[in-house]
Amino acid sequence: MAFASGYFRTRYENEFSLLETRARKVVFVLFSLILVVFPRFASPFALDLANQVFLSLIGAVALMLLTGFAGQISLGHAGLLSAGAFTSAILFKEVQAPIWVALPASGAVGALLGVIFGFPSLRLKGLYLALSTMALHFIVSYGGAEYQTRRGFATGVVIDPPKLGTLTIQDPVVWYFILLGFDILVLLFAANLLRSKTGRAWIAIRDRDVAAEALGVNVRFYKVLSFMITSTIACIAGSLFAYYRGFVSVEAFSLLTTIEYVAIVIIGGIGSLLGAVFGTVFIVLLPYGIDAAANAFAIPSRLTTYLSAIKYASFGLIMIIFLLLEPNGLVGIWHRFRDYFLLWPFKYKPMGK
């Protein structure tokens, strides 16, 4: 008796299905139920951690699209997040703009910045492109610091909780479902974008831009478009961060923030939206895991001063480990784990062994 693995496609509609097999549909339903009931049983600390993951995931998907799929290296991601946050803060402080105005405005600023800083990608590659995008971080940081100083906000800009009609968005549970909704929208948008002509063009450019151009792909257009779309998403993530925290400061968007997002892409698995999810959860929870381990093993107080240095060093160390031992990241580990149970109790063996 033959058993179908569930991965054979027999109809064209299967090519456009996000959930191809019955097992995936069941897992999706169970995972959705867990997400829905999680706030009911979670502590305030756990709820805040979940919201941090949701916030970071939006920016992680943006960088994954740009670097993992379009092949464009960027070290200015923190600058984009900062641009979105300060756009919302300035609009709130100067004209009392509501959130439904500030969010699209932040996205528009991101699109403009993406076009401006996407043009160097037409002539630069690799390290040179990375350095050119790093300039975005310093320019935005300088502008934000100048605004804080000139308006007398020495430590940062305070933003009141946003309102939608008569509803004031302040409860962490409400924020949980709002951020979860944004994550779902961003992931669906990214998944469908990658299956479109634009996504296929990005992947072709990533793999070999000269060959892509020879095949008729407008490389210049799609490179700039990749910066514009991903910068828009990143600035919206920064705007949501500003409203969720109720506070915007230049210090919140240091180069370490960019390193964290690069770590998410590498550790999660380059070129995978699922890798962006895995990497975000891992990197956001890593510092808290180090703190929990320090408390569990009763590290002497004289050594706790080094915990912050350990957290910073852990990002680089883990990235090196994954690059050397697991270049496919966490998503590669997941695929092997999944395939093991799909094939069990059978195991593939090379012929002759």
Protein backbone atom coordinates (compact mmCIF):
# COMPACT_ATOMS: atom_id res chain seq x y z
CA MET A 1 0.00 0.00 0.00
CA ALA A 2 1.39 3.41 -0.95
CA PHE A 3 1.00 6.44 1.26
CA ALA A 4 1.15 9.99 -0.11
CA SER A 5 3.53 12.26 1.75
CA GLY A 6 1.20 15.23 1.37
CA TYR A 7 3.76 17.33 -0.49
CA PHE A 8 2.85 16.28 -4.03
CA ARG A 9 0.89 18.95 -5.88
CA THR A 10 -1.82 17.66 -8.18
CA ARG A 11 -3.64 20.93 -8.92
CA TYR A 12 -2.52 24.42 -9.85
CA GLU A 13 -4.42 25.85 -6.86
CA ASN A 14 -1.93 24.09 -4.58
CA GLU A 15 0.81 26.37 -5.86
CA PHE A 16 -0.97 29.32 -4.28
CA SER A 17 -1.93 27.66 -1.01
CA LEU A 18 -0.16 28.82 2.14
CA LEU A 19 -1.18 25.68 4.04
CA GLU A 20 -0.62 22.78 1.68
CA THR A 21 -1.23 19.77 3.90
CA ARG A 22 -3.80 18.72 6.46
CA ALA A 23 -1.12 18.51 9.14
CA ARG A 24 -0.11 22.13 8.53
CA LYS A 25 -3.72 23.23 8.76
CA VAL A 26 -4.18 21.43 12.09
CA VAL A 27 -0.97 22.91 13.50
CA PHE A 28 -2.02 26.36 12.30
CA VAL A 29 -5.43 26.08 14.02
CA LEU A 30 -3.88 24.86 17.29
CA PHE A 31 -1.23 27.58 17.24
CA SER A 32 -3.90 30.22 16.54
CA LEU A 33 -5.94 29.02 19.52
CA ILE A 34 -2.86 29.23 21.75
CA LEU A 35 -2.21 32.79 20.63
CA VAL A 36 -5.83 33.79 21.29
CA VAL A 37 -6.02 32.35 24.82
CA PHE A 38 -2.45 33.27 25.83
CA PRO A 39 -3.33 36.71 27.34
CA ARG A 40 -5.92 35.11 29.61
CA PHE A 41 -3.31 33.03 31.44
CA ALA A 42 -0.12 35.09 30.94
CA SER A 43 1.44 37.23 33.64
CA PRO A 44 2.04 40.95 32.92
CA PHE A 45 5.75 40.19 32.38
CA ALA A 46 5.03 37.37 29.92
CA LEU A 47 2.50 39.56 28.13
CA ASP A 48 5.09 42.33 27.73
CA LEU A 49 7.59 39.81 26.34
CA ALA A 50 5.02 38.65 23.79
CA ASN A 51 4.37 42.25 22.77
CA GLN A 52 8.11 42.83 22.38
CA VAL A 53 8.30 39.80 20.09
CA PHE A 54 5.38 41.06 18.02
CA LEU A 55 6.95 44.52 17.70
CA SER A 56 10.35 43.16 16.72
CA LEU A 57 8.86 40.71 14.22
CA ILE A 58 7.54 43.50 12.00
CA GLY A 59 11.01 45.01 11.64
CA ALA A 60 12.56 41.55 11.27
CA VAL A 61 10.29 40.68 8.34
CA ALA A 62 11.31 43.95 6.68
CA LEU A 63 15.03 43.18 7.00
CA MET A 64 14.48 39.57 5.95
CA LEU A 65 12.78 40.74 2.75
CA LEU A 66 15.59 43.18 2.00
CA THR A 67 18.59 41.02 2.89
CA GLY A 68 17.31 37.47 2.83
CA PHE A 69 15.29 37.67 -0.38
CA ALA A 70 16.42 40.78 -2.29
CA GLY A 71 20.08 40.27 -1.32
CA GLN A 72 20.67 43.90 -0.30
CA ILE A 73 22.77 44.34 2.84
CA SER A 74 21.65 47.08 5.22
CA LEU A 75 23.12 48.36 8.47
CA GLY A 76 20.69 51.25 8.72
CA HIS A 77 17.72 49.33 10.10
CA ALA A 78 17.83 51.06 13.47
CA GLY A 79 17.75 54.39 11.66
CA LEU A 80 14.54 53.41 9.89
CA LEU A 81 12.91 52.33 13.15
CA SER A 82 14.02 55.62 14.67
CA ALA A 83 12.65 57.59 11.71
CA GLY A 84 9.24 56.00 12.12
CA ALA A 85 9.22 56.56 15.88
CA PHE A 86 10.29 60.21 15.66
CA THR A 87 7.84 60.92 12.84
CA SER A 88 4.99 59.81 15.10
CA ALA A 89 6.45 61.67 18.08
CA ILE A 90 6.88 64.92 16.16
CA LEU A 91 3.39 64.74 14.66
CA PHE A 92 1.92 64.11 18.11
CA LYS A 93 3.84 66.91 19.82
CA GLU A 94 3.48 69.53 17.13
CA VAL A 95 -0.01 68.99 15.69
CA GLN A 96 -1.59 66.41 18.04
CA ALA A 97 -1.97 63.98 15.13
CA PRO A 98 -3.90 60.78 15.97
CA ILE A 99 -2.39 57.35 15.44
CA TRP A 100 -4.37 56.71 12.25
CA VAL A 101 -2.59 59.74 10.74
CA ALA A 102 0.85 59.14 12.27
CA LEU A 103 1.14 55.51 11.13
CA PRO A 104 0.62 56.22 7.38
CA ALA A 105 2.84 59.30 7.68
CA SER A 106 5.61 57.19 9.18
CA GLY A 107 5.22 54.71 6.35
CA ALA A 108 5.46 57.54 3.80
CA VAL A 109 8.65 58.81 5.43
CA GLY A 110 10.03 55.28 5.27
CA ALA A 111 9.20 55.00 1.57
CA LEU A 112 11.00 58.30 0.88
CA LEU A 113 14.06 57.24 2.85
CA GLY A 114 14.02 53.88 1.10
CA VAL A 115 14.13 55.54 -2.31
CA ILE A 116 16.91 57.94 -1.27
CA PHE A 117 19.13 55.32 0.33
CA GLY A 118 18.22 52.68 -2.24
CA PHE A 119 19.93 54.53 -5.05
CA PRO A 120 23.46 53.69 -3.79
CA SER A 121 22.55 50.00 -4.27
CA LEU A 122 22.60 50.64 -8.01
CA ARG A 123 26.36 51.20 -7.89
CA LEU A 124 27.47 49.61 -4.62
CA LYS A 125 27.51 46.05 -3.34
CA GLY A 126 28.60 44.13 -0.26
CA LEU A 127 30.55 46.04 2.36
CA TYR A 128 30.32 49.33 0.48
CA LEU A 129 26.54 49.14 0.35
CA ALA A 130 26.43 48.25 4.05
CA LEU A 131 28.50 51.32 4.93
CA SER A 132 26.31 53.57 2.79
CA THR A 133 23.18 52.34 4.58
CA MET A 134 24.89 52.88 7.93
CA ALA A 135 24.94 56.59 7.07
CA LEU A 136 21.13 56.49 7.34
CA HIS A 137 21.44 55.55 11.00
CA PHE A 138 23.70 58.47 11.86
CA ILE A 139 21.70 61.01 9.87
CA VAL A 140 18.40 60.05 11.51
CA SER A 141 20.02 59.85 14.95
CA TYR A 142 21.46 63.34 14.51
CA GLY A 143 18.08 64.70 13.41
CA GLY A 144 16.29 63.07 16.34
CA ALA A 145 18.87 64.36 18.83
CA GLU A 146 18.56 67.88 17.42
CA TYR A 147 14.79 67.79 17.76
CA GLN A 148 15.02 66.56 21.35
CA THR A 149 17.51 69.29 22.26
CA ARG A 150 15.81 72.20 20.51
CA ARG A 151 12.36 71.34 21.87
CA GLY A 152 13.69 70.83 25.38
CA PHE A 153 13.11 67.06 25.53
CA ALA A 154 16.44 66.22 27.12
CA THR A 155 15.77 62.57 27.83
CA GLY A 156 13.19 61.86 25.12
CA VAL A 157 9.73 62.61 23.78
CA VAL A 158 6.71 61.41 25.77
CA ILE A 159 3.67 60.29 23.77
CA ASP A 160 0.21 59.89 25.24
CA PRO A 161 -1.60 56.57 24.72
CA PRO A 162 -3.22 56.55 21.27
CA LYS A 163 -6.99 56.74 20.84
CA LEU A 164 -9.32 55.15 18.35
CA GLY A 165 -12.58 57.01 18.77
CA THR A 166 -13.46 56.74 22.44
CA LEU A 167 -11.12 53.80 23.03
CA THR A 168 -7.76 54.58 24.62
CA ILE A 169 -5.21 51.95 23.70
CA GLN A 170 -3.34 51.42 26.94
CA ASP A 171 -4.17 47.94 28.19
CA PRO A 172 -1.35 45.45 27.36
CA VAL A 173 -3.96 42.89 26.33
CA VAL A 174 -5.41 45.31 23.77
CA TRP A 175 -1.90 46.02 22.50
CA TYR A 176 -1.29 42.27 22.30
CA PHE A 177 -4.11 41.74 19.80
CA ILE A 178 -3.30 44.92 17.86
CA LEU A 179 0.34 43.93 17.42
CA LEU A 180 -0.65 40.35 16.64
CA GLY A 181 -2.97 41.67 13.94
CA PHE A 182 -0.15 43.77 12.45
CA ASP A 183 2.14 40.74 12.47
CA ILE A 184 -0.41 38.64 10.62
CA LEU A 185 -0.95 41.36 8.03
CA VAL A 186 2.79 41.89 7.50
CA LEU A 187 3.50 38.15 7.20
CA LEU A 188 0.62 37.64 4.75
CA PHE A 189 1.76 40.64 2.73
CA ALA A 190 5.35 39.37 2.65
CA ALA A 191 4.35 35.80 1.75
CA ASN A 192 2.17 36.94 -1.14
CA LEU A 193 4.71 39.53 -2.28
CA LEU A 194 7.39 36.85 -2.55
CA ARG A 195 5.13 34.75 -4.79
CA SER A 196 4.50 37.69 -7.09
CA LYS A 197 6.58 38.99 -9.97
CA THR A 198 8.34 41.36 -7.56
CA GLY A 199 9.36 38.59 -5.17
CA ARG A 200 10.66 36.39 -7.97
CA ALA A 201 12.65 39.31 -9.34
CA TRP A 202 14.21 39.94 -5.91
CA ILE A 203 15.27 36.31 -5.57
CA ALA A 204 16.76 36.35 -9.07
CA ILE A 205 18.72 39.51 -8.23
CA ARG A 206 19.91 37.98 -4.97
CA ASP A 207 21.15 34.84 -6.68
CA ARG A 208 22.82 36.52 -9.66
CA ASP A 209 21.93 40.07 -10.65
CA VAL A 210 23.85 39.95 -13.93
CA ALA A 211 21.94 36.86 -15.05
CA ALA A 212 18.67 38.39 -13.88
CA GLU A 213 19.28 41.48 -15.98
CA ALA A 214 20.19 39.33 -18.98
CA LEU A 215 16.83 37.58 -18.58
CA GLY A 216 14.96 40.87 -18.72
CA VAL A 217 14.59 41.75 -15.04
CA ASN A 218 14.74 45.50 -14.43
CA VAL A 219 17.43 45.22 -11.75
CA ARG A 220 17.67 48.95 -11.01
CA PHE A 221 13.92 49.30 -10.48
CA TYR A 222 13.54 46.23 -8.26
CA LYS A 223 16.55 47.10 -6.11
CA VAL A 224 15.15 50.54 -5.28
CA LEU A 225 11.68 49.02 -4.84
CA SER A 226 13.07 46.56 -2.27
CA PHE A 227 14.45 49.43 -0.19
CA MET A 228 11.24 51.42 -0.51
CA ILE A 229 8.89 48.60 0.56
CA THR A 230 11.04 47.32 3.42
CA SER A 231 11.77 50.83 4.70
CA THR A 232 8.04 51.52 4.79
CA ILE A 233 7.44 48.41 6.92
CA ALA A 234 10.36 49.25 9.22
CA CYS A 235 9.14 52.81 9.83
CA ILE A 236 5.65 51.55 10.65
CA ALA A 237 7.30 49.19 13.17
CA GLY A 238 9.11 52.18 14.69
CA SER A 239 5.86 54.12 14.92
CA LEU A 240 4.15 51.25 16.73
CA PHE A 241 7.15 51.03 19.07
CA ALA A 242 6.74 54.73 19.93
CA TYR A 243 3.06 54.37 20.76
CA TYR A 244 3.51 51.12 22.67
CA ARG A 245 6.33 52.46 24.85
CA GLY A 246 4.86 55.97 25.06
CA PHE A 247 8.39 57.33 24.86
CA VAL A 248 10.88 58.00 22.06
CA SER A 249 14.58 58.63 22.55
CA VAL A 250 17.62 58.48 20.29
CA GLU A 251 19.31 56.14 22.76
CA ALA A 252 16.64 53.50 22.12
CA PHE A 253 17.86 53.06 18.53
CA SER A 254 21.59 52.47 18.77
CA LEU A 255 23.76 50.41 16.44
CA LEU A 256 23.17 47.51 18.81
CA THR A 257 19.56 47.50 17.60
CA THR A 258 20.79 47.00 14.04
CA ILE A 259 23.08 44.19 15.20
CA GLU A 260 20.14 42.52 16.92
CA TYR A 261 18.11 42.56 13.71
CA VAL A 262 21.03 41.24 11.68
CA ALA A 263 21.34 38.47 14.29
CA ILE A 264 17.64 37.68 13.85
CA VAL A 265 18.11 37.21 10.11
CA ILE A 266 21.24 35.07 10.44
CA ILE A 267 20.17 32.95 13.40
CA GLY A 268 16.61 32.50 12.17
CA GLY A 269 17.69 31.48 8.68
CA ILE A 270 18.38 33.76 5.74
CA GLY A 271 15.71 33.66 3.06
CA SER A 272 12.83 32.37 5.19
CA LEU A 273 9.86 34.16 6.73
CA LEU A 274 9.57 31.34 9.24
CA GLY A 275 13.23 31.99 10.03
CA ALA A 276 12.33 35.61 10.81
CA VAL A 277 9.75 34.36 13.32
CA PHE A 278 12.17 31.88 14.94
CA GLY A 279 15.01 34.40 15.02
CA THR A 280 12.84 37.11 16.56
CA VAL A 281 11.63 34.87 19.37
CA PHE A 282 15.16 33.66 20.05
CA ILE A 283 16.87 37.07 20.08
CA VAL A 284 14.16 38.89 22.04
CA LEU A 285 14.08 36.21 24.74
CA LEU A 286 17.86 35.63 24.86
CA PRO A 287 18.71 38.47 27.32
CA TYR A 288 15.93 37.39 29.66
CA GLY A 289 17.14 33.81 29.40
CA ILE A 290 20.63 34.92 30.46
CA ASP A 291 19.14 36.77 33.43
CA ALA A 292 17.08 33.73 34.40
CA ALA A 293 20.16 31.49 34.18
CA ALA A 294 22.13 33.91 36.36
CA ASN A 295 19.42 33.83 39.00
CA ALA A 296 19.00 30.06 38.80
CA PHE A 297 22.71 29.36 39.26
CA ALA A 298 23.11 32.06 41.93
CA ILE A 299 25.93 33.94 40.21
CA PRO A 300 27.85 36.09 42.74
CA SER A 301 26.85 39.74 42.85
CA ARG A 302 30.35 40.88 41.85
CA LEU A 303 29.88 39.08 38.51
CA THR A 304 26.40 40.43 37.74
CA THR A 305 27.97 43.68 36.56
CA TYR A 306 29.32 41.72 33.60
CA LEU A 307 25.88 40.44 32.55
CA SER A 308 25.30 43.33 30.15
CA ALA A 309 28.65 42.63 28.47
CA ILE A 310 27.74 38.94 28.27
CA LYS A 311 24.45 39.82 26.57
CA TYR A 312 26.22 41.97 23.99
CA ALA A 313 28.89 39.36 23.32
CA SER A 314 26.33 36.56 23.04
CA PHE A 315 24.85 38.03 19.85
CA GLY A 316 28.19 37.93 18.04
CA LEU A 317 29.16 34.53 19.44
CA ILE A 318 25.85 32.92 18.48
CA MET A 319 25.99 34.44 14.99
CA ILE A 320 29.48 32.97 14.49
CA ILE A 321 28.33 29.56 15.71
CA PHE A 322 25.36 29.53 13.34
CA LEU A 323 27.42 30.75 10.40
CA LEU A 324 29.98 27.98 10.97
CA LEU A 325 27.81 25.09 12.10
CA GLU A 326 24.27 25.86 10.96
CA PRO A 327 24.21 28.35 8.05
CA ASN A 328 20.50 27.62 7.49
CA GLY A 329 19.72 28.87 11.00
CA LEU A 330 16.94 27.75 13.27
CA VAL A 331 14.65 27.12 10.33
CA GLY A 332 17.17 24.58 9.02
CA ILE A 333 17.07 22.75 12.35
CA TRP A 334 13.28 22.82 12.24
CA HIS A 335 13.21 21.38 8.72
CA ARG A 336 15.42 18.45 9.75
CA PHE A 337 13.30 17.86 12.85
CA ARG A 338 10.11 17.96 10.78
CA ASP A 339 11.48 15.69 8.05
CA TYR A 340 12.62 13.14 10.62
CA PHE A 341 9.06 12.63 11.85
CA LEU A 342 7.64 12.76 8.33
CA LEU A 343 9.89 9.89 7.27
CA TRP A 344 9.87 7.92 10.53
CA PRO A 345 10.30 4.98 10.90
CA PHE A 346 12.01 4.98 7.51
CA LYS A 347 15.33 6.63 6.96
CA TYR A 348 17.05 7.61 3.75
CA LYS A 349 20.32 5.81 3.13
CA PRO A 350 22.71 6.33 0.22
CA MET A 351 22.80 3.44 -2.25
CA GLY A 352 25.36 0.81 -1.47
CA LYS A 353 25.39 1.48 2.30
